[in-house]
């Protein structure tokens, strides 16, 4: 590569080794942190389920409120099937 070929090289330093010291946590503290993390995940999942349940309840309530008058009376009037009287046989018996 030459300086005139339009290629730009960006050097990225890659550390050979992580020199960060490990935290000195007691077993009880580490266990508490793990329990807290798991509990937060479970609470988040529970809250998501509760929100979904609430949304479904609102949807069911809206549907019931909008269609609460759809009963036998409206069904007979709209379809005409139940409102039509049954005729006598066309051929005398």
C-alpha atoms as a PDB file:
ATOM      1  CA  UNK A   1       0.000   0.000   0.000  1.00  0.00           C
ATOM      2  CA  UNK A   2       1.102   3.452  -0.825  1.00  0.00           C
ATOM      3  CA  UNK A   3      -0.146   6.739   0.625  1.00  0.00           C
ATOM      4  CA  UNK A   4      -1.812   7.547  -2.674  1.00  0.00           C
ATOM      5  CA  UNK A   5      -3.976   4.408  -3.126  1.00  0.00           C
ATOM      6  CA  UNK A   6      -6.913   5.752  -1.020  1.00  0.00           C
ATOM      7  CA  UNK A   7      -6.732   3.108   1.677  1.00  0.00           C
ATOM      8  CA  UNK A   8      -6.823   4.302   5.259  1.00  0.00           C
ATOM      9  CA  UNK A   9      -5.476   2.113   7.997  1.00  0.00           C
ATOM     10  CA  UNK A  10      -6.745   2.695  11.505  1.00  0.00           C
ATOM     11  CA  UNK A  11      -4.631   0.983  14.121  1.00  0.00           C
ATOM     12  CA  UNK A  12      -6.756  -0.625  16.821  1.00  0.00           C
ATOM     13  CA  UNK A  13      -4.862  -1.440  19.963  1.00  0.00           C
ATOM     14  CA  UNK A  14      -5.677  -4.943  21.126  1.00  0.00           C
ATOM     15  CA  UNK A  15      -4.619  -5.632  24.688  1.00  0.00           C
ATOM     16  CA  UNK A  16      -2.697  -8.821  25.029  1.00  0.00           C
ATOM     17  CA  UNK A  17      -4.032  -9.583  28.472  1.00  0.00           C
ATOM     18  CA  UNK A  18      -6.747  -8.253  30.714  1.00  0.00           C
ATOM     19  CA  UNK A  19      -4.913  -6.657  33.607  1.00  0.00           C
ATOM     20  CA  UNK A  20      -8.091  -5.890  35.515  1.00  0.00           C
ATOM     21  CA  UNK A  21      -8.037  -7.499  38.939  1.00  0.00           C
ATOM     22  CA  UNK A  22     -10.848  -9.862  39.816  1.00  0.00           C
ATOM     23  CA  UNK A  23     -13.294  -8.443  42.343  1.00  0.00           C
ATOM     24  CA  UNK A  24     -12.957  -9.853  45.813  1.00  0.00           C
ATOM     25  CA  UNK A  25     -16.527 -10.841  46.683  1.00  0.00           C
ATOM     26  CA  UNK A  26     -17.499 -13.166  49.434  1.00  0.00           C
ATOM     27  CA  UNK A  27     -19.613 -16.167  48.536  1.00  0.00           C
ATOM     28  CA  UNK A  28     -22.630 -14.659  50.288  1.00  0.00           C
ATOM     29  CA  UNK A  29     -22.404 -11.396  48.333  1.00  0.00           C
ATOM     30  CA  UNK A  30     -21.958 -13.206  45.028  1.00  0.00           C
ATOM     31  CA  UNK A  31     -24.916 -15.469  45.837  1.00  0.00           C
ATOM     32  CA  UNK A  32     -27.041 -12.440  46.735  1.00  0.00           C
ATOM     33  CA  UNK A  33     -26.170 -10.693  43.448  1.00  0.00           C
ATOM     34  CA  UNK A  34     -27.050 -13.801  41.469  1.00  0.00           C
ATOM     35  CA  UNK A  35     -30.340 -14.221  43.331  1.00  0.00           C
ATOM     36  CA  UNK A  36     -31.178 -10.561  42.765  1.00  0.00           C
ATOM     37  CA  UNK A  37     -30.494 -10.870  39.024  1.00  0.00           C
ATOM     38  CA  UNK A  38     -32.633 -13.976  38.661  1.00  0.00           C
ATOM     39  CA  UNK A  39     -35.425 -12.371  40.679  1.00  0.00           C
ATOM     40  CA  UNK A  40     -35.371  -9.285  38.476  1.00  0.00           C
ATOM     41  CA  UNK A  41     -35.622 -11.412  35.336  1.00  0.00           C
ATOM     42  CA  UNK A  42     -38.535 -13.374  36.784  1.00  0.00           C
ATOM     43  CA  UNK A  43     -40.287 -10.175  37.889  1.00  0.00           C
ATOM     44  CA  UNK A  44     -39.860  -8.733  34.409  1.00  0.00           C
ATOM     45  CA  UNK A  45     -41.382 -11.850  32.859  1.00  0.00           C
ATOM     46  CA  UNK A  46     -44.256 -11.791  35.367  1.00  0.00           C
ATOM     47  CA  UNK A  47     -44.951  -8.133  34.651  1.00  0.00           C
ATOM     48  CA  UNK A  48     -45.020  -8.869  30.927  1.00  0.00           C
ATOM     49  CA  UNK A  49     -47.549 -11.646  31.456  1.00  0.00           C
ATOM     50  CA  UNK A  50     -49.674  -9.387  33.653  1.00  0.00           C
ATOM     51  CA  UNK A  51     -49.676  -6.656  31.019  1.00  0.00           C
ATOM     52  CA  UNK A  52     -50.740  -9.182  28.393  1.00  0.00           C
ATOM     53  CA  UNK A  53     -53.511 -10.482  30.641  1.00  0.00           C
ATOM     54  CA  UNK A  54     -54.745  -6.948  31.304  1.00  0.00           C
ATOM     55  CA  UNK A  55     -54.720  -6.136  27.588  1.00  0.00           C
ATOM     56  CA  UNK A  56     -56.732  -9.267  26.801  1.00  0.00           C
ATOM     57  CA  UNK A  57     -59.213  -8.380  29.552  1.00  0.00           C
ATOM     58  CA  UNK A  58     -59.668  -4.892  28.127  1.00  0.00           C
ATOM     59  CA  UNK A  59     -60.182  -6.361  24.663  1.00  0.00           C
ATOM     60  CA  UNK A  60     -62.777  -8.825  25.971  1.00  0.00           C
ATOM     61  CA  UNK A  61     -64.576  -6.062  27.866  1.00  0.00           C
ATOM     62  CA  UNK A  62     -64.654  -3.836  24.774  1.00  0.00           C
ATOM     63  CA  UNK A  63     -65.994  -6.688  22.656  1.00  0.00           C
ATOM     64  CA  UNK A  64     -68.639  -7.541  25.248  1.00  0.00           C
ATOM     65  CA  UNK A  65     -69.693  -3.895  25.526  1.00  0.00           C
ATOM     66  CA  UNK A  66     -69.876  -3.421  21.761  1.00  0.00           C
ATOM     67  CA  UNK A  67     -71.765  -6.634  21.106  1.00  0.00           C
ATOM     68  CA  UNK A  68     -73.842  -6.905  24.255  1.00  0.00           C
ATOM     69  CA  UNK A  69     -77.081  -6.483  22.308  1.00  0.00           C
ATOM     70  CA  UNK A  70     -76.441  -9.387  19.972  1.00  0.00           C
ATOM     71  CA  UNK A  71     -78.885 -11.906  21.339  1.00  0.00           C
ATOM     72  CA  UNK A  72     -81.737 -14.036  20.154  1.00  0.00           C
ATOM     73  CA  UNK A  73     -83.939 -11.074  19.265  1.00  0.00           C
ATOM     74  CA  UNK A  74     -81.401  -9.451  16.988  1.00  0.00           C
ATOM     75  CA  UNK A  75     -80.386 -12.789  15.514  1.00  0.00           C
ATOM     76  CA  UNK A  76     -83.982 -13.586  14.554  1.00  0.00           C
ATOM     77  CA  UNK A  77     -84.629 -10.136  13.134  1.00  0.00           C
ATOM     78  CA  UNK A  78     -81.427  -9.984  11.117  1.00  0.00           C
ATOM     79  CA  UNK A  79     -81.387 -13.467   9.703  1.00  0.00           C
ATOM     80  CA  UNK A  80     -85.080 -14.033   9.273  1.00  0.00           C
ATOM     81  CA  UNK A  81     -84.497 -17.754   9.716  1.00  0.00           C
ATOM     82  CA  UNK A  82     -85.955 -18.053  13.176  1.00  0.00           C
ATOM     83  CA  UNK A  83     -88.526 -15.337  12.510  1.00  0.00           C
ATOM     84  CA  UNK A  84     -90.001 -17.199   9.538  1.00  0.00           C
ATOM     85  CA  UNK A  85     -92.837 -19.461  10.612  1.00  0.00           C
ATOM     86  CA  UNK A  86     -92.679 -23.055   9.509  1.00  0.00           C
ATOM     87  CA  UNK A  87     -95.268 -23.655   6.799  1.00  0.00           C
ATOM     88  CA  UNK A  88     -97.584 -26.591   6.624  1.00  0.00           C
ATOM     89  CA  UNK A  89     -96.597 -29.405   4.280  1.00  0.00           C
ATOM     90  CA  UNK A  90     -97.138 -28.524   0.629  1.00  0.00           C
ATOM     91  CA  UNK A  91     -98.629 -31.946  -0.070  1.00  0.00           C
ATOM     92  CA  UNK A  92    -101.588 -32.888   2.136  1.00  0.00           C
ATOM     93  CA  UNK A  93    -100.879 -35.956   4.208  1.00  0.00           C
END
